PDB file of all heavy atoms in Angstrom:
ATOM      1  N   ALA A   1    -275.792   7.678 -51.533  1.00  0.00           N
ATOM      2  CA  ALA A   1    -276.506   6.430 -51.242  1.00  0.00           C
ATOM      3  C   ALA A   1    -276.017   5.282 -52.188  1.00  0.00           C
ATOM      4  O   ALA A   1    -276.588   4.159 -51.943  1.00  0.00           O
ATOM      5  CB  ALA A   1    -277.973   6.694 -51.422  1.00  0.00           C
ATOM      6  N   GLY A   2    -275.118   5.557 -53.065  1.00  0.00           N
ATOM      7  CA  GLY A   2    -274.526   4.417 -53.858  1.00  0.00           C
ATOM      8  C   GLY A   2    -275.107   4.369 -55.263  1.00  0.00           C
ATOM      9  O   GLY A   2    -274.795   3.254 -56.004  1.00  0.00           O
ATOM     10  N   GLU A   3    -275.914   5.242 -55.721  1.00  0.00           N
ATOM     11  CA  GLU A   3    -276.515   5.130 -57.012  1.00  0.00           C
ATOM     12  C   GLU A   3    -275.535   5.559 -58.070  1.00  0.00           C
ATOM     13  O   GLU A   3    -274.915   6.606 -58.175  1.00  0.00           O
ATOM     14  CB  GLU A   3    -277.705   6.115 -57.023  1.00  0.00           C
ATOM     15  CG  GLU A   3    -278.850   5.621 -57.930  1.00  0.00           C
ATOM     16  CD  GLU A   3    -278.467   5.696 -59.469  1.00  0.00           C
ATOM     17  OE1 GLU A   3    -278.026   6.800 -59.900  1.00  0.00           O
ATOM     18  OE2 GLU A   3    -278.658   4.619 -60.199  1.00  0.00           O
ATOM     19  N   LYS A   4    -275.070   4.590 -58.890  1.00  0.00           N
ATOM     20  CA  LYS A   4    -273.994   4.723 -59.914  1.00  0.00           C
ATOM     21  C   LYS A   4    -274.329   5.727 -60.971  1.00  0.00           C
ATOM     22  O   LYS A   4    -273.359   6.484 -61.432  1.00  0.00           O
ATOM     23  CB  LYS A   4    -273.670   3.406 -60.447  1.00  0.00           C
ATOM     24  CG  LYS A   4    -274.800   2.749 -61.255  1.00  0.00           C
ATOM     25  CD  LYS A   4    -274.385   1.274 -61.717  1.00  0.00           C
ATOM     26  CE  LYS A   4    -275.478   0.592 -62.425  1.00  0.00           C
ATOM     27  NZ  LYS A   4    -275.200  -0.711 -62.807  1.00  0.00           N
ATOM     28  N   HIS A   5    -275.612   5.933 -61.400  1.00  0.00           N
ATOM     29  CA  HIS A   5    -275.906   6.829 -62.468  1.00  0.00           C
ATOM     30  C   HIS A   5    -275.724   8.270 -61.959  1.00  0.00           C
ATOM     31  O   HIS A   5    -275.296   9.091 -62.684  1.00  0.00           O
ATOM     32  CB  HIS A   5    -277.343   6.622 -63.013  1.00  0.00           C
ATOM     33  CG  HIS A   5    -277.460   5.274 -63.727  1.00  0.00           C
ATOM     34  ND1 HIS A   5    -277.930   4.237 -63.058  1.00  0.00           N
ATOM     35  CD2 HIS A   5    -277.080   4.946 -64.977  1.00  0.00           C
ATOM     36  CE1 HIS A   5    -277.850   3.166 -63.861  1.00  0.00           C
ATOM     37  NE2 HIS A   5    -277.313   3.490 -64.971  1.00  0.00           N
ATOM     38  N   ALA A   6    -276.001   8.469 -60.680  1.00  0.00           N
ATOM     39  CA  ALA A   6    -275.847   9.737 -59.992  1.00  0.00           C
ATOM     40  C   ALA A   6    -274.309  10.082 -59.938  1.00  0.00           C
ATOM     41  O   ALA A   6    -273.849  11.196 -60.184  1.00  0.00           O
ATOM     42  CB  ALA A   6    -276.385   9.857 -58.701  1.00  0.00           C
ATOM     43  N   MET A   7    -273.477   9.087 -59.691  1.00  0.00           N
ATOM     44  CA  MET A   7    -272.078   9.258 -59.723  1.00  0.00           C
ATOM     45  C   MET A   7    -271.546   9.670 -61.118  1.00  0.00           C
ATOM     46  O   MET A   7    -270.731  10.567 -61.224  1.00  0.00           O
ATOM     47  CB  MET A   7    -271.364   8.033 -59.305  1.00  0.00           C
ATOM     48  CG  MET A   7    -271.662   7.591 -57.798  1.00  0.00           C
ATOM     49  SD  MET A   7    -270.952   5.907 -57.497  1.00  0.00           S
ATOM     50  CE  MET A   7    -271.778   5.601 -55.950  1.00  0.00           C
ATOM     51  N   ARG A   8    -272.112   9.004 -62.172  1.00  0.00           N
ATOM     52  CA  ARG A   8    -271.728   9.464 -63.522  1.00  0.00           C
ATOM     53  C   ARG A   8    -272.152  10.933 -63.738  1.00  0.00           C
ATOM     54  O   ARG A   8    -271.348  11.736 -64.316  1.00  0.00           O
ATOM     55  CB  ARG A   8    -272.581   8.571 -64.495  1.00  0.00           C
ATOM     56  CG  ARG A   8    -272.249   8.932 -65.946  1.00  0.00           C
ATOM     57  CD  ARG A   8    -273.168   8.410 -67.011  1.00  0.00           C
ATOM     58  NE  ARG A   8    -273.551   7.031 -66.783  1.00  0.00           N
ATOM     59  CZ  ARG A   8    -274.531   6.466 -67.466  1.00  0.00           C
ATOM     60  NH1 ARG A   8    -275.246   7.193 -68.324  1.00  0.00           N
ATOM     61  NH2 ARG A   8    -274.951   5.231 -67.253  1.00  0.00           N
ATOM     62  N   LEU A   9    -273.423  11.358 -63.399  1.00  0.00           N
ATOM     63  CA  LEU A   9    -273.872  12.693 -63.601  1.00  0.00           C
ATOM     64  C   LEU A   9    -272.941  13.719 -62.860  1.00  0.00           C
ATOM     65  O   LEU A   9    -272.653  14.697 -63.440  1.00  0.00           O
ATOM     66  CB  LEU A   9    -275.275  12.796 -63.095  1.00  0.00           C
ATOM     67  CG  LEU A   9    -276.306  12.042 -63.912  1.00  0.00           C
ATOM     68  CD1 LEU A   9    -277.708  12.070 -63.261  1.00  0.00           C
ATOM     69  CD2 LEU A   9    -276.394  12.586 -65.359  1.00  0.00           C
ATOM     70  N   LEU A  10    -272.497  13.318 -61.638  1.00  0.00           N
ATOM     71  CA  LEU A  10    -271.708  14.267 -60.951  1.00  0.00           C
ATOM     72  C   LEU A  10    -270.228  14.382 -61.532  1.00  0.00           C
ATOM     73  O   LEU A  10    -269.644  15.412 -61.617  1.00  0.00           O
ATOM     74  CB  LEU A  10    -271.626  13.798 -59.481  1.00  0.00           C
ATOM     75  CG  LEU A  10    -272.768  14.156 -58.579  1.00  0.00           C
ATOM     76  CD1 LEU A  10    -272.596  13.448 -57.212  1.00  0.00           C
ATOM     77  CD2 LEU A  10    -273.031  15.632 -58.489  1.00  0.00           C
ATOM     78  N   GLY A  11    -269.803  13.169 -61.942  1.00  0.00           N
ATOM     79  CA  GLY A  11    -268.449  13.169 -62.668  1.00  0.00           C
ATOM     80  C   GLY A  11    -268.482  14.085 -63.941  1.00  0.00           C
ATOM     81  O   GLY A  11    -267.598  14.934 -64.132  1.00  0.00           O
ATOM     82  N   GLN A  12    -269.577  14.041 -64.641  1.00  0.00           N
ATOM     83  CA  GLN A  12    -269.687  14.841 -65.862  1.00  0.00           C
ATOM     84  C   GLN A  12    -269.845  16.310 -65.539  1.00  0.00           C
ATOM     85  O   GLN A  12    -269.299  17.155 -66.100  1.00  0.00           O
ATOM     86  CB  GLN A  12    -270.843  14.422 -66.742  1.00  0.00           C
ATOM     87  CG  GLN A  12    -270.658  13.200 -67.531  1.00  0.00           C
ATOM     88  CD  GLN A  12    -269.518  13.358 -68.552  1.00  0.00           C
ATOM     89  OE1 GLN A  12    -268.368  13.046 -68.308  1.00  0.00           O
ATOM     90  NE2 GLN A  12    -269.889  13.683 -69.702  1.00  0.00           N
ATOM     91  N   ALA A  13    -270.700  16.661 -64.491  1.00  0.00           N
ATOM     92  CA  ALA A  13    -270.883  17.903 -64.066  1.00  0.00           C
ATOM     93  C   ALA A  13    -269.615  18.580 -63.574  1.00  0.00           C
ATOM     94  O   ALA A  13    -269.333  19.764 -64.025  1.00  0.00           O
ATOM     95  CB  ALA A  13    -272.012  18.054 -62.925  1.00  0.00           C
ATOM     96  N   TYR A  14    -268.816  17.915 -62.784  1.00  0.00           N
ATOM     97  CA  TYR A  14    -267.516  18.475 -62.434  1.00  0.00           C
ATOM     98  C   TYR A  14    -266.467  18.562 -63.534  1.00  0.00           C
ATOM     99  O   TYR A  14    -265.830  19.423 -63.605  1.00  0.00           O
ATOM    100  CB  TYR A  14    -266.919  17.631 -61.237  1.00  0.00           C
ATOM    101  CG  TYR A  14    -267.458  18.059 -59.878  1.00  0.00           C
ATOM    102  CD1 TYR A  14    -268.384  17.211 -59.278  1.00  0.00           C
ATOM    103  CD2 TYR A  14    -267.087  19.185 -59.306  1.00  0.00           C
ATOM    104  CE1 TYR A  14    -268.872  17.507 -58.020  1.00  0.00           C
ATOM    105  CE2 TYR A  14    -267.658  19.546 -58.004  1.00  0.00           C
ATOM    106  CZ  TYR A  14    -268.486  18.752 -57.442  1.00  0.00           C
ATOM    107  OH  TYR A  14    -269.017  19.060 -56.222  1.00  0.00           O
ATOM    108  N   ARG A  15    -266.649  17.644 -64.497  1.00  0.00           N
ATOM    109  CA  ARG A  15    -265.603  17.624 -65.519  1.00  0.00           C
ATOM    110  C   ARG A  15    -265.846  18.802 -66.508  1.00  0.00           C
ATOM    111  O   ARG A  15    -264.951  19.452 -66.952  1.00  0.00           O
ATOM    112  CB  ARG A  15    -265.685  16.403 -66.337  1.00  0.00           C
ATOM    113  CG  ARG A  15    -264.710  16.371 -67.493  1.00  0.00           C
ATOM    114  CD  ARG A  15    -264.442  14.933 -67.924  1.00  0.00           C
ATOM    115  NE  ARG A  15    -263.287  14.841 -68.843  1.00  0.00           N
ATOM    116  CZ  ARG A  15    -262.047  14.592 -68.412  1.00  0.00           C
ATOM    117  NH1 ARG A  15    -261.758  14.556 -67.066  1.00  0.00           N
ATOM    118  NH2 ARG A  15    -261.024  14.581 -69.258  1.00  0.00           N
ATOM    119  N   HIS A  16    -267.186  19.143 -66.714  1.00  0.00           N
ATOM    120  CA  HIS A  16    -267.517  20.217 -67.773  1.00  0.00           C
ATOM    121  C   HIS A  16    -268.048  21.516 -67.026  1.00  0.00           C
ATOM    122  O   HIS A  16    -268.395  22.433 -67.760  1.00  0.00           O
ATOM    123  CB  HIS A  16    -268.510  19.635 -68.653  1.00  0.00           C
ATOM    124  CG  HIS A  16    -267.996  18.546 -69.431  1.00  0.00           C
ATOM    125  ND1 HIS A  16    -267.077  18.546 -70.422  1.00  0.00           N
ATOM    126  CD2 HIS A  16    -268.325  17.157 -69.361  1.00  0.00           C
ATOM    127  CE1 HIS A  16    -266.802  17.379 -70.866  1.00  0.00           C
ATOM    128  NE2 HIS A  16    -267.601  16.478 -70.253  1.00  0.00           N
ATOM    129  N   GLY A  17    -268.031  21.477 -65.754  1.00  0.00           N
ATOM    130  CA  GLY A  17    -268.468  22.752 -65.024  1.00  0.00           C
ATOM    131  C   GLY A  17    -269.928  23.024 -65.353  1.00  0.00           C
ATOM    132  O   GLY A  17    -270.251  24.178 -65.530  1.00  0.00           O
ATOM    133  N   GLN A  18    -270.700  21.913 -65.223  1.00  0.00           N
ATOM    134  CA  GLN A  18    -272.141  22.118 -65.489  1.00  0.00           C
ATOM    135  C   GLN A  18    -272.924  22.270 -64.218  1.00  0.00           C
ATOM    136  O   GLN A  18    -273.252  21.409 -63.416  1.00  0.00           O
ATOM    137  CB  GLN A  18    -272.732  20.831 -66.241  1.00  0.00           C
ATOM    138  CG  GLN A  18    -272.132  20.675 -67.596  1.00  0.00           C
ATOM    139  CD  GLN A  18    -272.370  19.258 -68.161  1.00  0.00           C
ATOM    140  OE1 GLN A  18    -272.580  18.338 -67.342  1.00  0.00           O
ATOM    141  NE2 GLN A  18    -272.430  19.140 -69.476  1.00  0.00           N
ATOM    142  N   GLY A  19    -273.160  23.626 -63.856  1.00  0.00           N
ATOM    143  CA  GLY A  19    -273.942  23.938 -62.720  1.00  0.00           C
ATOM    144  C   GLY A  19    -273.059  24.085 -61.487  1.00  0.00           C
ATOM    145  O   GLY A  19    -273.559  24.323 -60.400  1.00  0.00           O
ATOM    146  N   LEU A  20    -271.765  23.860 -61.701  1.00  0.00           N
ATOM    147  CA  LEU A  20    -270.829  24.123 -60.533  1.00  0.00           C
ATOM    148  C   LEU A  20    -269.478  24.362 -61.096  1.00  0.00           C
ATOM    149  O   LEU A  20    -269.161  24.240 -62.369  1.00  0.00           O
ATOM    150  CB  LEU A  20    -270.822  22.953 -59.653  1.00  0.00           C
ATOM    151  CG  LEU A  20    -270.902  21.557 -60.258  1.00  0.00           C
ATOM    152  CD1 LEU A  20    -269.570  21.014 -60.781  1.00  0.00           C
ATOM    153  CD2 LEU A  20    -271.353  20.515 -59.111  1.00  0.00           C
ATOM    154  N   GLU A  21    -268.531  24.733 -60.405  1.00  0.00           N
ATOM    155  CA  GLU A  21    -267.116  24.975 -60.872  1.00  0.00           C
ATOM    156  C   GLU A  21    -266.447  23.709 -61.332  1.00  0.00           C
ATOM    157  O   GLU A  21    -266.492  22.696 -60.623  1.00  0.00           O
ATOM    158  CB  GLU A  21    -266.318  25.615 -59.786  1.00  0.00           C
ATOM    159  CG  GLU A  21    -264.996  26.116 -60.335  1.00  0.00           C
ATOM    160  CD  GLU A  21    -264.218  26.961 -59.264  1.00  0.00           C
ATOM    161  OE1 GLU A  21    -264.849  27.594 -58.461  1.00  0.00           O
ATOM    162  OE2 GLU A  21    -262.979  27.005 -59.393  1.00  0.00           O
ATOM    163  N   ALA A  22    -265.923  23.727 -62.540  1.00  0.00           N
ATOM    164  CA  ALA A  22    -265.254  22.534 -63.029  1.00  0.00           C
ATOM    165  C   ALA A  22    -264.031  22.159 -62.104  1.00  0.00           C
ATOM    166  O   ALA A  22    -263.327  23.017 -61.675  1.00  0.00           O
ATOM    167  CB  ALA A  22    -264.709  22.808 -64.417  1.00  0.00           C
ATOM    168  N   ASP A  23    -263.981  20.843 -61.865  1.00  0.00           N
ATOM    169  CA  ASP A  23    -262.871  20.376 -60.963  1.00  0.00           C
ATOM    170  C   ASP A  23    -262.604  18.969 -61.473  1.00  0.00           C
ATOM    171  O   ASP A  23    -263.342  18.011 -61.125  1.00  0.00           O
ATOM    172  CB  ASP A  23    -263.329  20.377 -59.606  1.00  0.00           C
ATOM    173  CG  ASP A  23    -262.190  19.996 -58.651  1.00  0.00           C
ATOM    174  OD1 ASP A  23    -261.291  19.132 -59.030  1.00  0.00           O
ATOM    175  OD2 ASP A  23    -262.122  20.544 -57.480  1.00  0.00           O
ATOM    176  N   ARG A  24    -261.548  18.802 -62.250  1.00  0.00           N
ATOM    177  CA  ARG A  24    -261.253  17.485 -62.897  1.00  0.00           C
ATOM    178  C   ARG A  24    -260.829  16.470 -61.877  1.00  0.00           C
ATOM    179  O   ARG A  24    -261.088  15.258 -62.084  1.00  0.00           O
ATOM    180  CB  ARG A  24    -260.063  17.705 -63.959  1.00  0.00           C
ATOM    181  CG  ARG A  24    -260.717  18.262 -65.282  1.00  0.00           C
ATOM    182  CD  ARG A  24    -259.661  18.874 -66.162  1.00  0.00           C
ATOM    183  NE  ARG A  24    -259.520  18.381 -67.381  1.00  0.00           N
ATOM    184  CZ  ARG A  24    -260.326  17.948 -68.358  1.00  0.00           C
ATOM    185  NH1 ARG A  24    -261.485  17.567 -68.027  1.00  0.00           N
ATOM    186  NH2 ARG A  24    -259.961  17.516 -69.547  1.00  0.00           N
ATOM    187  N   ALA A  25    -260.151  16.827 -60.758  1.00  0.00           N
ATOM    188  CA  ALA A  25    -259.854  15.891 -59.755  1.00  0.00           C
ATOM    189  C   ALA A  25    -261.119  15.331 -59.083  1.00  0.00           C
ATOM    190  O   ALA A  25    -261.266  14.067 -58.837  1.00  0.00           O
ATOM    191  CB  ALA A  25    -258.941  16.509 -58.657  1.00  0.00           C
ATOM    192  N   VAL A  26    -262.036  16.108 -58.743  1.00  0.00           N
ATOM    193  CA  VAL A  26    -263.301  15.711 -58.123  1.00  0.00           C
ATOM    194  C   VAL A  26    -264.097  14.856 -59.127  1.00  0.00           C
ATOM    195  O   VAL A  26    -264.653  13.845 -58.830  1.00  0.00           O
ATOM    196  CB  VAL A  26    -264.126  16.835 -57.707  1.00  0.00           C
ATOM    197  CG1 VAL A  26    -265.613  16.379 -57.121  1.00  0.00           C
ATOM    198  CG2 VAL A  26    -263.516  17.585 -56.564  1.00  0.00           C
ATOM    199  N   SER A  27    -264.019  15.248 -60.390  1.00  0.00           N
ATOM    200  CA  SER A  27    -264.721  14.462 -61.475  1.00  0.00           C
ATOM    201  C   SER A  27    -264.138  13.070 -61.586  1.00  0.00           C
ATOM    202  O   SER A  27    -264.907  12.097 -61.612  1.00  0.00           O
ATOM    203  CB  SER A  27    -264.484  15.222 -62.898  1.00  0.00           C
ATOM    204  OG  SER A  27    -264.973  14.374 -63.950  1.00  0.00           O
ATOM    205  N   LEU A  28    -262.888  13.051 -61.624  1.00  0.00           N
ATOM    206  CA  LEU A  28    -262.184  11.710 -61.622  1.00  0.00           C
ATOM    207  C   LEU A  28    -262.520  10.832 -60.378  1.00  0.00           C
ATOM    208  O   LEU A  28    -262.781   9.686 -60.527  1.00  0.00           O
ATOM    209  CB  LEU A  28    -260.651  11.940 -61.713  1.00  0.00           C
ATOM    210  CG  LEU A  28    -259.811  10.592 -61.944  1.00  0.00           C
ATOM    211  CD1 LEU A  28    -260.199   9.895 -63.176  1.00  0.00           C
ATOM    212  CD2 LEU A  28    -258.390  11.039 -61.999  1.00  0.00           C
ATOM    213  N   ASP A  29    -262.605  11.489 -59.291  1.00  0.00           N
ATOM    214  CA  ASP A  29    -263.036  10.681 -58.083  1.00  0.00           C
ATOM    215  C   ASP A  29    -264.505  10.058 -58.299  1.00  0.00           C
ATOM    216  O   ASP A  29    -264.668   8.982 -57.940  1.00  0.00           O
ATOM    217  CB  ASP A  29    -263.042  11.510 -56.743  1.00  0.00           C
ATOM    218  CG  ASP A  29    -261.670  11.800 -56.300  1.00  0.00           C
ATOM    219  OD1 ASP A  29    -260.763  11.147 -56.646  1.00  0.00           O
ATOM    220  OD2 ASP A  29    -261.620  12.850 -55.542  1.00  0.00           O
ATOM    221  N   TRP A  30    -265.375  10.872 -58.869  1.00  0.00           N
ATOM    222  CA  TRP A  30    -266.729  10.434 -59.106  1.00  0.00           C
ATOM    223  C   TRP A  30    -266.698   9.265 -60.163  1.00  0.00           C
ATOM    224  O   TRP A  30    -267.431   8.349 -60.022  1.00  0.00           O
ATOM    225  CB  TRP A  30    -267.696  11.411 -59.538  1.00  0.00           C
ATOM    226  CG  TRP A  30    -268.169  12.203 -58.260  1.00  0.00           C
ATOM    227  CD1 TRP A  30    -267.939  13.511 -57.952  1.00  0.00           C
ATOM    228  CD2 TRP A  30    -268.953  11.666 -57.133  1.00  0.00           C
ATOM    229  NE1 TRP A  30    -268.493  13.800 -56.707  1.00  0.00           N
ATOM    230  CE2 TRP A  30    -269.132  12.762 -56.242  1.00  0.00           C
ATOM    231  CE3 TRP A  30    -269.407  10.451 -56.851  1.00  0.00           C
ATOM    232  CZ2 TRP A  30    -269.826  12.525 -55.094  1.00  0.00           C
ATOM    233  CZ3 TRP A  30    -270.144  10.245 -55.665  1.00  0.00           C
ATOM    234  CH2 TRP A  30    -270.289  11.301 -54.778  1.00  0.00           C
ATOM    235  N   TYR A  31    -265.917   9.372 -61.181  1.00  0.00           N
ATOM    236  CA  TYR A  31    -265.778   8.373 -62.102  1.00  0.00           C
ATOM    237  C   TYR A  31    -265.264   7.096 -61.522  1.00  0.00           C
ATOM    238  O   TYR A  31    -265.685   5.948 -61.857  1.00  0.00           O
ATOM    239  CB  TYR A  31    -264.770   8.816 -63.266  1.00  0.00           C
ATOM    240  CG  TYR A  31    -265.375   9.770 -64.196  1.00  0.00           C
ATOM    241  CD1 TYR A  31    -264.614  10.534 -65.056  1.00  0.00           C
ATOM    242  CD2 TYR A  31    -266.743   9.952 -64.433  1.00  0.00           C
ATOM    243  CE1 TYR A  31    -265.093  11.546 -65.950  1.00  0.00           C
ATOM    244  CE2 TYR A  31    -267.206  10.938 -65.213  1.00  0.00           C
ATOM    245  CZ  TYR A  31    -266.367  11.736 -65.931  1.00  0.00           C
ATOM    246  OH  TYR A  31    -266.890  12.677 -66.914  1.00  0.00           O
ATOM    247  N   ARG A  32    -264.263   7.153 -60.633  1.00  0.00           N
ATOM    248  CA  ARG A  32    -263.708   6.003 -59.940  1.00  0.00           C
ATOM    249  C   ARG A  32    -264.799   5.299 -59.086  1.00  0.00           C
ATOM    250  O   ARG A  32    -264.953   4.151 -59.169  1.00  0.00           O
ATOM    251  CB  ARG A  32    -262.534   6.424 -58.965  1.00  0.00           C
ATOM    252  CG  ARG A  32    -261.224   6.677 -59.645  1.00  0.00           C
ATOM    253  CD  ARG A  32    -260.189   6.945 -58.739  1.00  0.00           C
ATOM    254  NE  ARG A  32    -259.020   7.724 -59.267  1.00  0.00           N
ATOM    255  CZ  ARG A  32    -258.064   7.023 -60.048  1.00  0.00           C
ATOM    256  NH1 ARG A  32    -258.188   5.733 -60.274  1.00  0.00           N
ATOM    257  NH2 ARG A  32    -257.082   7.697 -60.438  1.00  0.00           N
ATOM    258  N   LYS A  33    -265.579   6.068 -58.385  1.00  0.00           N
ATOM    259  CA  LYS A  33    -266.616   5.541 -57.612  1.00  0.00           C
ATOM    260  C   LYS A  33    -267.717   4.847 -58.454  1.00  0.00           C
ATOM    261  O   LYS A  33    -268.237   3.703 -58.083  1.00  0.00           O
ATOM    262  CB  LYS A  33    -267.325   6.575 -56.642  1.00  0.00           C
ATOM    263  CG  LYS A  33    -266.402   7.184 -55.688  1.00  0.00           C
ATOM    264  CD  LYS A  33    -266.995   8.364 -54.857  1.00  0.00           C
ATOM    265  CE  LYS A  33    -265.900   8.963 -53.883  1.00  0.00           C
ATOM    266  NZ  LYS A  33    -266.486  10.053 -53.240  1.00  0.00           N
ATOM    267  N   GLY A  34    -268.030   5.648 -59.440  1.00  0.00           N
ATOM    268  CA  GLY A  34    -269.159   5.054 -60.432  1.00  0.00           C
ATOM    269  C   GLY A  34    -268.566   3.763 -61.021  1.00  0.00           C
ATOM    270  O   GLY A  34    -269.389   2.815 -61.269  1.00  0.00           O
ATOM    271  N   ALA A  35    -267.301   3.726 -61.444  1.00  0.00           N
ATOM    272  CA  ALA A  35    -266.818   2.580 -62.125  1.00  0.00           C
ATOM    273  C   ALA A  35    -266.850   1.353 -61.019  1.00  0.00           C
ATOM    274  O   ALA A  35    -267.168   0.301 -61.460  1.00  0.00           O
ATOM    275  CB  ALA A  35    -265.374   2.873 -62.551  1.00  0.00           C
TER     276      ALA A  35
END
């Protein structure tokens, strides 16, 4: 829905594998969207 803090949380979750499998490419996509 465009909430930037949620994008940050998903970026971190994917980067560090918090609650899901780590995926640095997906993490970077969320960081780009959040930025």
